[in-house]
């Protein structure tokens, strides 16, 4: 028996967009059929930086900014190759382009003996 694991790593500056994408993907998976799905929440990454307001006179006048990156991993497990061939990945990618979510995709093949 073999399994195919599709791993989607989602990144966004706001968690609302990730939640929206996940709910849309769950709807699509339920209509698709038998697929095991797991979610992993990763810690958010915070980048802080300081910028000088005026480089000439006021060296002490500075602005501080931060950027938060929210991340989540969704692991989809397919039991057969036929299931992944019928999987509507193009539909998910098309809707992903409308949202502010970055995607990293990995496909792994595991054989169980």
N, C-alpha and C. Protein backbone atom coordinates (compact mmCIF):
# COMPACT_ATOMS: atom_id res chain seq x y z
N UNK A 1 0.84 -1.18 0.00
CA UNK A 1 0.00 0.00 0.00
C UNK A 1 0.88 1.24 0.00
N UNK A 2 0.56 2.20 -0.81
CA UNK A 2 1.36 3.41 -0.89
C UNK A 2 0.49 4.64 -0.63
N UNK A 3 1.14 5.70 -0.20
CA UNK A 3 0.46 6.95 0.07
C UNK A 3 1.19 8.08 -0.63
N UNK A 4 0.42 9.07 -1.01
CA UNK A 4 1.00 10.28 -1.56
C UNK A 4 0.63 11.41 -0.62
N UNK A 5 1.63 12.16 -0.17
CA UNK A 5 1.40 13.25 0.78
C UNK A 5 1.67 14.57 0.08
N UNK A 6 0.67 15.43 0.09
CA UNK A 6 0.76 16.76 -0.49
C UNK A 6 0.83 17.75 0.66
N UNK A 7 1.92 18.50 0.75
CA UNK A 7 2.13 19.44 1.85
C UNK A 7 2.04 20.86 1.31
N UNK A 8 1.12 21.63 1.86
CA UNK A 8 0.96 23.03 1.49
C UNK A 8 1.44 23.89 2.65
N UNK A 9 2.41 24.74 2.42
CA UNK A 9 2.89 25.67 3.44
C UNK A 9 2.41 27.06 3.06
N UNK A 10 1.58 27.64 3.91
CA UNK A 10 0.95 28.93 3.62
C UNK A 10 1.60 30.01 4.47
N UNK A 11 1.81 31.17 3.86
CA UNK A 11 2.37 32.33 4.56
C UNK A 11 1.56 33.56 4.19
N UNK A 12 1.33 34.41 5.19
CA UNK A 12 0.59 35.64 4.93
C UNK A 12 0.94 36.66 6.01
N UNK A 13 0.70 37.94 5.69
CA UNK A 13 0.92 38.99 6.67
C UNK A 13 -0.25 39.14 7.62
N UNK A 14 -1.39 38.54 7.30
CA UNK A 14 -2.56 38.62 8.16
C UNK A 14 -3.20 37.24 8.26
N UNK A 15 -3.57 36.79 9.46
CA UNK A 15 -4.12 35.43 9.60
C UNK A 15 -5.49 35.27 8.95
N UNK A 16 -6.21 36.35 8.72
CA UNK A 16 -7.53 36.27 8.10
C UNK A 16 -7.46 35.62 6.73
N UNK A 17 -6.45 35.97 5.94
CA UNK A 17 -6.34 35.43 4.59
C UNK A 17 -6.02 33.93 4.61
N UNK A 18 -5.21 33.50 5.55
CA UNK A 18 -4.91 32.07 5.66
C UNK A 18 -6.17 31.31 6.06
N UNK A 19 -6.91 31.85 7.05
CA UNK A 19 -8.14 31.18 7.49
C UNK A 19 -9.16 31.08 6.36
N UNK A 20 -9.26 32.14 5.57
CA UNK A 20 -10.18 32.14 4.43
C UNK A 20 -9.78 31.10 3.40
N UNK A 21 -8.49 31.01 3.12
CA UNK A 21 -8.02 30.02 2.15
C UNK A 21 -8.25 28.61 2.66
N UNK A 22 -8.00 28.36 3.95
CA UNK A 22 -8.18 27.03 4.51
C UNK A 22 -9.64 26.62 4.48
N UNK A 23 -10.56 27.53 4.80
CA UNK A 23 -11.98 27.19 4.76
C UNK A 23 -12.42 26.88 3.32
N UNK A 24 -11.90 27.64 2.35
CA UNK A 24 -12.22 27.38 0.95
C UNK A 24 -11.67 26.02 0.51
N UNK A 25 -10.44 25.71 0.95
CA UNK A 25 -9.83 24.43 0.58
C UNK A 25 -10.57 23.26 1.22
N UNK A 26 -11.05 23.45 2.46
CA UNK A 26 -11.80 22.37 3.12
C UNK A 26 -13.10 22.07 2.39
N UNK A 27 -13.79 23.11 1.93
CA UNK A 27 -15.01 22.91 1.15
C UNK A 27 -14.70 22.10 -0.11
N UNK A 28 -13.62 22.45 -0.77
CA UNK A 28 -13.24 21.76 -2.00
C UNK A 28 -12.86 20.31 -1.71
N UNK A 29 -12.17 20.06 -0.59
CA UNK A 29 -11.77 18.70 -0.24
C UNK A 29 -12.97 17.84 0.12
N UNK A 30 -13.96 18.42 0.80
CA UNK A 30 -15.14 17.64 1.16
C UNK A 30 -15.92 17.21 -0.08
N UNK A 31 -15.99 18.09 -1.07
CA UNK A 31 -16.68 17.72 -2.31
C UNK A 31 -15.84 16.74 -3.14
N UNK A 32 -14.53 16.73 -2.89
CA UNK A 32 -13.63 15.87 -3.67
C UNK A 32 -13.74 14.41 -3.26
N UNK A 33 -13.74 14.14 -1.96
CA UNK A 33 -13.83 12.74 -1.56
C UNK A 33 -12.95 12.40 -0.39
N UNK A 34 -12.36 11.19 -0.42
CA UNK A 34 -11.62 10.65 0.71
C UNK A 34 -10.18 11.14 0.71
N UNK A 35 -9.94 12.17 1.52
CA UNK A 35 -8.60 12.71 1.69
C UNK A 35 -8.43 13.02 3.17
N UNK A 36 -7.33 12.54 3.75
CA UNK A 36 -7.03 12.88 5.14
C UNK A 36 -6.34 14.24 5.17
N UNK A 37 -6.75 15.06 6.12
CA UNK A 37 -6.20 16.42 6.18
C UNK A 37 -5.78 16.73 7.60
N UNK A 38 -4.59 17.31 7.77
CA UNK A 38 -4.09 17.75 9.07
C UNK A 38 -3.57 19.17 8.92
N UNK A 39 -3.77 19.96 9.97
CA UNK A 39 -3.24 21.32 9.98
C UNK A 39 -2.21 21.45 11.09
N UNK A 40 -1.15 22.17 10.80
CA UNK A 40 -0.11 22.47 11.77
C UNK A 40 0.07 23.98 11.81
N UNK A 41 -0.08 24.55 12.99
CA UNK A 41 0.12 25.99 13.14
C UNK A 41 1.58 26.23 13.51
N UNK A 42 2.23 27.07 12.75
CA UNK A 42 3.62 27.42 13.01
C UNK A 42 3.66 28.77 13.73
N UNK A 43 4.72 29.04 14.49
CA UNK A 43 4.78 30.33 15.18
C UNK A 43 4.96 31.47 14.18
N UNK A 44 4.39 32.61 14.54
CA UNK A 44 4.54 33.74 13.64
C UNK A 44 5.94 34.33 13.76
N UNK A 45 6.43 34.81 12.66
CA UNK A 45 7.76 35.41 12.61
C UNK A 45 7.59 36.93 12.67
N UNK A 46 8.32 37.58 13.56
CA UNK A 46 8.21 39.03 13.73
C UNK A 46 9.55 39.65 13.33
N UNK A 47 9.49 40.58 12.40
CA UNK A 47 10.69 41.31 11.98
C UNK A 47 10.51 42.77 12.39
N UNK A 48 11.43 43.28 13.20
CA UNK A 48 11.37 44.67 13.65
C UNK A 48 12.56 45.41 13.07
N UNK A 49 12.30 46.64 12.65
CA UNK A 49 13.40 47.45 12.12
C UNK A 49 13.13 48.92 12.41
N UNK A 50 14.22 49.69 12.44
CA UNK A 50 14.17 51.11 12.77
C UNK A 50 14.71 51.91 11.60
N UNK A 51 14.03 53.02 11.29
CA UNK A 51 14.41 53.87 10.17
C UNK A 51 14.59 55.29 10.69
N UNK A 52 15.66 55.96 10.27
CA UNK A 52 15.86 57.36 10.63
C UNK A 52 14.84 58.23 9.92
N UNK A 53 14.23 59.16 10.65
CA UNK A 53 13.27 60.07 10.01
C UNK A 53 13.99 61.10 9.14
N UNK A 54 15.02 61.67 9.70
CA UNK A 54 15.78 62.68 8.97
C UNK A 54 17.26 62.35 9.12
N UNK A 55 17.94 62.02 8.05
CA UNK A 55 19.35 61.63 8.18
C UNK A 55 20.30 62.81 8.42
N UNK A 56 19.79 64.05 8.32
CA UNK A 56 20.70 65.20 8.39
C UNK A 56 20.82 65.77 9.81
N UNK A 57 19.74 66.32 10.32
CA UNK A 57 19.80 67.08 11.57
C UNK A 57 19.46 66.22 12.79
N UNK A 58 18.31 65.62 12.79
CA UNK A 58 17.81 64.90 13.95
C UNK A 58 18.19 63.42 13.87
N UNK A 59 19.34 63.11 14.44
CA UNK A 59 19.78 61.72 14.43
C UNK A 59 18.96 60.87 15.40
N UNK A 60 18.34 61.51 16.38
CA UNK A 60 17.59 60.76 17.38
C UNK A 60 16.14 60.52 16.97
N UNK A 61 15.69 61.19 15.93
CA UNK A 61 14.31 61.01 15.49
C UNK A 61 14.23 59.75 14.61
N UNK A 62 13.55 58.75 15.12
CA UNK A 62 13.50 57.47 14.42
C UNK A 62 12.07 56.92 14.45
N UNK A 63 11.75 56.13 13.45
CA UNK A 63 10.48 55.41 13.40
C UNK A 63 10.77 53.92 13.49
N UNK A 64 9.93 53.23 14.25
CA UNK A 64 10.09 51.79 14.39
C UNK A 64 8.90 51.09 13.76
N UNK A 65 9.19 50.03 13.00
CA UNK A 65 8.17 49.26 12.30
C UNK A 65 8.35 47.79 12.63
N UNK A 66 7.27 47.03 12.44
CA UNK A 66 7.38 45.59 12.56
C UNK A 66 6.49 44.93 11.53
N UNK A 67 6.93 43.77 11.11
CA UNK A 67 6.19 42.99 10.12
C UNK A 67 6.01 41.58 10.70
N UNK A 68 4.75 41.12 10.74
CA UNK A 68 4.44 39.80 11.28
C UNK A 68 4.05 38.88 10.13
N UNK A 69 4.65 37.71 10.10
CA UNK A 69 4.36 36.73 9.07
C UNK A 69 3.75 35.51 9.75
N UNK A 70 2.51 35.21 9.40
CA UNK A 70 1.79 34.06 9.94
C UNK A 70 1.98 32.88 9.00
N UNK A 71 2.15 31.68 9.59
CA UNK A 71 2.44 30.50 8.78
C UNK A 71 1.57 29.33 9.24
N UNK A 72 1.22 28.48 8.29
CA UNK A 72 0.46 27.28 8.59
C UNK A 72 0.82 26.21 7.57
N UNK A 73 0.81 24.97 8.01
CA UNK A 73 1.07 23.84 7.11
C UNK A 73 -0.19 22.99 7.06
N UNK A 74 -0.59 22.62 5.86
CA UNK A 74 -1.70 21.70 5.66
C UNK A 74 -1.14 20.47 4.96
N UNK A 75 -1.36 19.31 5.56
CA UNK A 75 -0.87 18.06 4.99
C UNK A 75 -2.06 17.24 4.52
N UNK A 76 -2.08 16.94 3.24
CA UNK A 76 -3.15 16.14 2.64
C UNK A 76 -2.57 14.77 2.28
N UNK A 77 -3.25 13.71 2.70
CA UNK A 77 -2.79 12.35 2.44
C UNK A 77 -3.77 11.66 1.51
N UNK A 78 -3.27 11.21 0.38
CA UNK A 78 -4.06 10.50 -0.61
C UNK A 78 -3.71 9.03 -0.55
N UNK A 79 -4.71 8.17 -0.64
CA UNK A 79 -4.45 6.73 -0.54
C UNK A 79 -3.96 6.13 -1.85
N UNK A 80 -4.39 6.67 -2.98
CA UNK A 80 -3.97 6.12 -4.27
C UNK A 80 -3.56 7.24 -5.22
N UNK A 81 -2.89 6.85 -6.28
CA UNK A 81 -2.45 7.81 -7.28
C UNK A 81 -3.65 8.37 -8.04
N UNK A 82 -4.70 7.57 -8.20
CA UNK A 82 -5.89 8.04 -8.92
C UNK A 82 -6.53 9.22 -8.19
N UNK A 83 -6.49 9.20 -6.86
CA UNK A 83 -7.07 10.30 -6.10
C UNK A 83 -6.35 11.62 -6.38
N UNK A 84 -5.03 11.58 -6.43
CA UNK A 84 -4.30 12.84 -6.65
C UNK A 84 -4.40 13.30 -8.10
N UNK A 85 -4.61 12.38 -9.03
CA UNK A 85 -4.79 12.80 -10.42
C UNK A 85 -6.08 13.58 -10.59
N UNK A 86 -7.10 13.25 -9.82
CA UNK A 86 -8.38 13.95 -9.91
C UNK A 86 -8.46 15.16 -8.99
N UNK A 87 -7.43 15.38 -8.18
CA UNK A 87 -7.44 16.48 -7.22
C UNK A 87 -7.42 17.83 -7.96
N UNK A 88 -8.32 18.74 -7.62
CA UNK A 88 -8.43 20.02 -8.34
C UNK A 88 -7.41 21.06 -7.84
N UNK A 89 -6.13 20.78 -8.03
CA UNK A 89 -5.08 21.69 -7.58
C UNK A 89 -5.13 23.01 -8.34
N UNK A 90 -5.51 22.97 -9.61
CA UNK A 90 -5.59 24.21 -10.39
C UNK A 90 -6.65 25.15 -9.82
N UNK A 91 -7.75 24.59 -9.31
CA UNK A 91 -8.79 25.41 -8.70
C UNK A 91 -8.26 26.12 -7.46
N UNK A 92 -7.52 25.38 -6.63
CA UNK A 92 -6.96 25.97 -5.41
C UNK A 92 -5.93 27.03 -5.76
N UNK A 93 -5.06 26.77 -6.72
CA UNK A 93 -4.04 27.74 -7.10
C UNK A 93 -4.66 28.99 -7.73
N UNK A 94 -5.72 28.83 -8.48
CA UNK A 94 -6.40 29.97 -9.09
C UNK A 94 -6.99 30.87 -8.01
N UNK A 95 -7.63 30.28 -7.00
CA UNK A 95 -8.21 31.07 -5.91
C UNK A 95 -7.13 31.62 -4.99
N UNK A 96 -6.00 30.94 -4.91
CA UNK A 96 -4.90 31.44 -4.09
C UNK A 96 -4.33 32.72 -4.67
N UNK A 97 -4.34 32.85 -5.98
CA UNK A 97 -3.79 34.06 -6.59
C UNK A 97 -4.65 35.28 -6.29
N UNK A 98 -5.93 35.07 -5.94
CA UNK A 98 -6.80 36.19 -5.58
C UNK A 98 -6.58 36.66 -4.15
N UNK A 99 -5.98 35.82 -3.33
CA UNK A 99 -5.75 36.15 -1.93
C UNK A 99 -4.29 36.52 -1.71
N UNK A 100 -4.04 37.13 -0.58
CA UNK A 100 -2.68 37.54 -0.24
C UNK A 100 -2.00 36.45 0.58
N UNK A 101 -1.84 35.28 -0.04
CA UNK A 101 -1.24 34.13 0.65
C UNK A 101 -0.15 33.55 -0.23
N UNK A 102 1.01 33.32 0.38
CA UNK A 102 2.10 32.66 -0.33
C UNK A 102 1.99 31.16 -0.13
N UNK A 103 2.44 30.40 -1.11
CA UNK A 103 2.29 28.95 -1.06
C UNK A 103 3.60 28.27 -1.43
N UNK A 104 3.95 27.26 -0.64
CA UNK A 104 5.05 26.37 -0.97
C UNK A 104 4.46 24.97 -1.01
N UNK A 105 4.71 24.24 -2.07
CA UNK A 105 4.05 22.95 -2.31
C UNK A 105 5.10 21.85 -2.38
N UNK A 106 4.85 20.74 -1.65
CA UNK A 106 5.72 19.58 -1.70
C UNK A 106 4.88 18.33 -1.87
N UNK A 107 5.34 17.43 -2.71
CA UNK A 107 4.66 16.15 -2.91
C UNK A 107 5.67 15.05 -2.58
N UNK A 108 5.28 14.16 -1.66
CA UNK A 108 6.14 13.04 -1.30
C UNK A 108 5.38 11.73 -1.49
N UNK A 109 6.11 10.70 -1.77
CA UNK A 109 5.53 9.38 -2.02
C UNK A 109 6.07 8.42 -0.97
N UNK A 110 5.18 7.76 -0.24
CA UNK A 110 5.59 6.80 0.76
C UNK A 110 4.98 5.45 0.46
N UNK A 111 5.78 4.42 0.55
CA UNK A 111 5.25 3.07 0.33
C UNK A 111 5.30 2.33 1.66
N UNK A 112 4.20 1.70 1.99
CA UNK A 112 4.10 0.91 3.23
C UNK A 112 4.15 -0.56 2.87
N UNK A 113 4.95 -1.31 3.60
CA UNK A 113 5.07 -2.75 3.35
C UNK A 113 4.67 -3.53 4.57
